[in-house]
Protein backbone atom coordinates (compact mmCIF):
# COMPACT_ATOMS: atom_id res chain seq x y z
CA MET A 1 -0.03 -0.05 0.01
CA TYR A 2 1.33 3.37 -0.90
CA PHE A 3 0.30 7.05 -0.72
CA SER A 4 1.57 9.43 -3.29
CA ILE A 5 1.81 13.19 -3.17
CA PHE A 6 2.46 15.46 -6.02
CA LEU A 7 3.98 18.83 -5.10
CA ALA A 8 4.55 21.64 -7.72
CA ALA A 9 7.00 19.32 -9.79
CA THR A 10 9.82 18.83 -12.23
CA ILE A 11 13.48 18.64 -12.73
CA GLY A 12 15.57 15.56 -12.34
CA VAL A 13 17.86 16.07 -9.45
CA SER A 14 20.90 13.85 -9.14
CA LYS A 15 21.74 12.59 -5.66
CA SER A 16 25.22 12.04 -4.36
CA PHE A 17 25.95 9.64 -1.54
CA ALA A 18 27.87 10.89 1.42
CA SER A 19 30.40 8.47 2.79
CA ILE A 20 29.71 7.32 6.37
CA PRO A 21 31.80 4.88 8.45
CA ASN A 22 30.80 1.27 8.25
CA THR A 23 29.59 0.71 11.80
CA TYR A 24 26.88 -1.76 10.93
CA VAL A 25 26.66 -4.80 13.14
CA PHE A 26 24.46 -7.65 11.92
CA ASN A 27 21.40 -8.22 14.01
CA PRO A 28 19.15 -11.16 12.98
CA LEU A 29 16.15 -9.46 14.54
CA ASN A 30 16.36 -6.79 11.82
CA HIS A 31 16.00 -9.42 9.04
CA LEU A 32 12.79 -11.16 9.84
CA ALA A 33 10.89 -9.54 6.88
CA GLY A 34 7.39 -8.50 7.97
CA VAL A 35 7.77 -9.55 11.58
CA ALA A 36 11.00 -7.71 12.27
CA PRO A 37 10.75 -5.11 15.05
CA PRO A 38 10.93 -1.47 13.85
CA PHE A 39 14.45 -0.13 13.44
CA ASP A 40 16.23 2.64 11.51
CA PRO A 41 18.43 1.31 8.82
CA LEU A 42 21.95 2.70 8.44
CA ASP A 43 21.51 3.68 4.78
CA PRO A 44 24.05 6.01 3.27
CA LEU A 45 23.14 9.65 3.77
CA MET A 46 22.02 11.56 0.68
CA ASP A 47 22.94 15.06 -0.37
CA PRO A 48 19.55 16.92 -1.01
CA ALA A 49 21.22 19.72 -2.95
CA PRO A 50 20.54 19.96 -6.64
CA PRO A 51 23.46 20.13 -9.06
CA GLN A 52 25.09 23.57 -9.34
CA GLY A 53 23.07 25.94 -11.37
CA CYS A 54 19.89 23.97 -10.98
CA ASN A 55 16.76 24.77 -8.86
CA VAL A 56 14.05 22.35 -7.81
CA THR A 57 10.76 23.62 -9.17
CA ARG A 58 8.71 20.47 -8.66
CA ALA A 59 8.77 17.26 -6.71
CA ALA A 60 6.83 13.99 -6.71
CA TYR A 61 6.92 11.54 -3.79
CA LEU A 62 5.77 7.91 -3.76
CA VAL A 63 5.61 6.78 -0.06
CA ARG A 64 4.73 3.54 1.62
CA HIS A 65 2.37 3.75 4.56
CA ALA A 66 3.88 4.35 8.01
CA ALA A 67 4.39 1.77 10.81
CA ILE A 68 1.48 -0.62 11.51
CA TYR A 69 1.02 -3.24 14.22
CA ALA A 70 1.28 -6.28 11.85
CA ASN A 71 -0.02 -7.36 8.49
CA ASP A 72 -2.81 -9.93 8.79
CA PHE A 73 -0.68 -12.44 6.87
CA ASP A 74 2.27 -11.95 9.11
CA TYR A 75 0.11 -12.18 12.25
CA GLU A 76 -1.51 -15.39 11.15
CA SER A 77 1.67 -16.94 9.90
CA TYR A 78 4.03 -16.07 12.68
CA ILE A 79 2.63 -14.41 15.66
CA GLU A 80 -0.63 -16.33 16.15
CA PRO A 81 0.98 -19.77 15.88
CA PHE A 82 3.67 -18.71 18.46
CA VAL A 83 1.05 -17.43 20.87
CA GLN A 84 -0.97 -20.68 20.62
CA LYS A 85 2.20 -22.83 21.18
CA LEU A 86 3.14 -20.75 24.13
CA SER A 87 -0.30 -21.10 25.73
CA ASN A 88 -0.25 -24.87 25.18
CA THR A 89 3.16 -25.62 26.51
CA THR A 90 3.80 -27.16 29.97
CA VAL A 91 7.23 -25.66 30.31
CA ASP A 92 7.88 -23.69 33.42
CA TRP A 93 9.61 -20.63 31.82
CA SER A 94 10.23 -18.92 35.16
CA LYS A 95 12.93 -21.58 35.90
CA ILE A 96 14.82 -20.82 32.68
CA PRO A 97 16.75 -17.50 33.41
CA VAL A 98 17.12 -16.26 29.82
CA LEU A 99 13.51 -17.11 28.92
CA SER A 100 11.84 -16.30 32.30
CA PHE A 101 10.06 -13.34 30.75
CA LEU A 102 7.86 -15.76 28.81
CA SER A 103 6.18 -16.79 32.11
CA THR A 104 4.34 -13.40 32.19
CA TRP A 105 4.56 -12.38 28.54
CA GLU A 106 1.32 -11.34 26.81
CA ASN A 107 0.75 -10.80 23.07
CA PRO A 108 1.03 -6.99 22.60
CA ILE A 109 -1.13 -7.08 19.45
CA THR A 110 -4.86 -7.71 19.47
CA ASP A 111 -6.85 -9.06 16.56
CA ALA A 112 -8.57 -5.69 16.24
CA GLU A 113 -5.20 -3.94 15.93
CA GLN A 114 -3.97 -5.93 12.89
CA GLU A 115 -2.91 -3.62 9.96
CA MET A 116 -3.75 -0.55 12.01
CA LEU A 117 -1.50 2.45 11.97
CA THR A 118 0.42 2.74 15.27
CA ARG A 119 0.95 6.03 17.09
CA ALA A 120 4.56 5.94 16.10
CA GLY A 121 3.43 5.48 12.52
CA LYS A 122 1.26 8.57 12.70
CA ARG A 123 4.18 10.50 14.01
CA GLU A 124 6.42 9.17 11.21
CA ALA A 125 4.00 10.36 8.53
CA LEU A 126 3.52 13.78 10.21
CA ASN A 127 7.28 14.26 10.54
CA LEU A 128 7.79 13.42 6.91
CA GLY A 129 5.35 16.18 6.04
CA VAL A 130 7.12 18.63 8.23
CA ASP A 131 10.46 17.71 6.69
CA ILE A 132 9.23 18.18 3.10
CA ALA A 133 7.70 21.56 4.03
CA PHE A 134 11.08 22.71 5.18
CA LYS A 135 12.88 21.24 2.35
CA TYR A 136 10.70 23.13 -0.24
CA PRO A 137 9.64 26.36 1.51
CA SER A 138 8.91 28.14 -1.79
CA PHE A 139 6.40 25.45 -2.94
CA ARG A 140 2.73 25.99 -2.69
CA THR A 141 0.67 23.49 -0.67
CA PRO A 142 -0.57 20.68 -2.90
CA GLU A 143 -4.30 20.52 -3.27
CA LYS A 144 -4.40 16.68 -3.47
CA ILE A 145 -2.78 13.60 -2.07
CA TRP A 146 -3.53 10.24 -3.62
CA ALA A 147 -3.63 7.20 -1.33
CA SER A 148 -4.87 3.66 -1.63
CA THR A 149 -8.17 3.07 0.24
CA ALA A 150 -6.60 0.80 2.97
CA GLU A 151 -7.25 2.44 6.32
CA ARG A 152 -3.49 2.41 7.19
CA THR A 153 -2.51 4.13 3.98
CA THR A 154 -5.36 6.68 4.18
CA LYS A 155 -4.43 7.55 7.75
CA SER A 156 -0.79 7.84 6.83
CA ALA A 157 -1.68 10.29 4.11
CA LYS A 158 -3.81 12.43 6.47
CA SER A 159 -1.05 12.54 9.02
CA PHE A 160 1.39 13.48 6.35
CA ALA A 161 -0.90 16.30 5.29
CA SER A 162 -1.10 17.58 8.80
CA GLY A 163 2.70 17.99 8.88
CA LEU A 164 2.95 19.39 5.34
CA ALA A 165 0.37 22.20 5.63
CA LEU A 166 -0.53 24.76 8.26
CA ASP A 167 -4.15 23.88 7.64
CA SER A 168 -4.51 20.31 6.48
CA SER A 169 -8.13 20.92 5.34
CA ASP A 170 -6.52 22.69 2.39
CA ILE A 171 -5.42 19.21 1.14
CA THR A 172 -7.84 16.60 -0.20
CA VAL A 173 -6.94 12.96 0.31
CA ILE A 174 -8.27 11.03 -2.67
CA GLY A 175 -8.70 7.25 -2.33
CA VAL A 176 -7.41 4.95 -5.09
CA PRO A 177 -9.10 1.46 -5.03
CA GLU A 178 -6.75 -1.42 -5.60
CA GLY A 179 -9.18 -4.14 -6.54
CA LYS A 180 -8.46 -6.47 -9.43
CA ASN A 181 -10.97 -4.62 -11.62
CA GLU A 182 -10.09 -1.06 -10.55
CA SER A 183 -6.88 -0.76 -12.74
CA ALA A 184 -4.90 0.59 -9.79
CA ASN A 185 -3.35 -2.59 -8.56
CA SER A 186 -0.01 -1.42 -9.96
CA LEU A 187 0.48 -0.09 -6.40
CA THR A 188 1.11 -3.70 -5.52
CA PRO A 189 3.55 -4.69 -8.36
CA TYR A 190 3.11 -8.49 -8.09
CA SER A 191 -0.59 -8.13 -8.68
CA SER A 192 0.14 -6.74 -12.03
CA CYS A 193 2.30 -9.74 -13.11
CA PRO A 194 0.39 -12.82 -14.19
CA ALA A 195 3.66 -14.91 -14.08
CA TYR A 196 4.27 -14.01 -10.42
CA SER A 197 4.20 -16.96 -8.01
CA SER A 198 4.43 -16.74 -4.27
CA SER A 199 5.30 -20.43 -3.93
CA ALA A 200 9.02 -19.82 -4.20
CA GLY A 201 10.65 -20.54 -0.90
CA SER A 202 7.64 -22.34 0.52
CA LYS A 203 9.65 -25.52 1.17
CA GLN A 204 12.31 -23.47 3.01
CA SER A 205 9.68 -21.74 5.08
CA THR A 206 8.59 -25.10 6.52
CA VAL A 207 11.97 -25.93 7.87
CA SER A 208 12.06 -25.55 11.69
């Protein structure tokens, strides 16, 4: 799911990567795909300045929704089975020092919270709007923001608008349906490719 905003736009601006020290330490918890805990990746910093002699007159942003509690697929595939196994075990976790927290651990995500935008996610989207407003102070406030109709994406777009404009009511969030017959499922690229198969890796995923 994505929301896309179009500011007053056009000129290709080349980006140069600033060198930063390689301080990355591999942490497996950051590589669990959809069930990884939130973290800030140490991507190379980018120089936002346009090439000498150029001025940015327009900009277009295509942005993914902000942080959510969990996708329904990830919840049902990973979290729910773990919670069920934990509730059915007879192990006394309090007697295992490194795992003693499991004796009182409770699932932090309810069924109702699946795919919902978190408070941190709302702040992420709002901060992005503020950052862009400061980056392009001479741009007029866009009249429209396009967002898929998923609740998490629409709320991300509205939070973004709150950070971008002094009065977010000046911006209209337009919903873009992603149904198979809506011609907008290019927002989910694999839905646009008949040859795509999600079965790859299924055998590996069953290995315990």
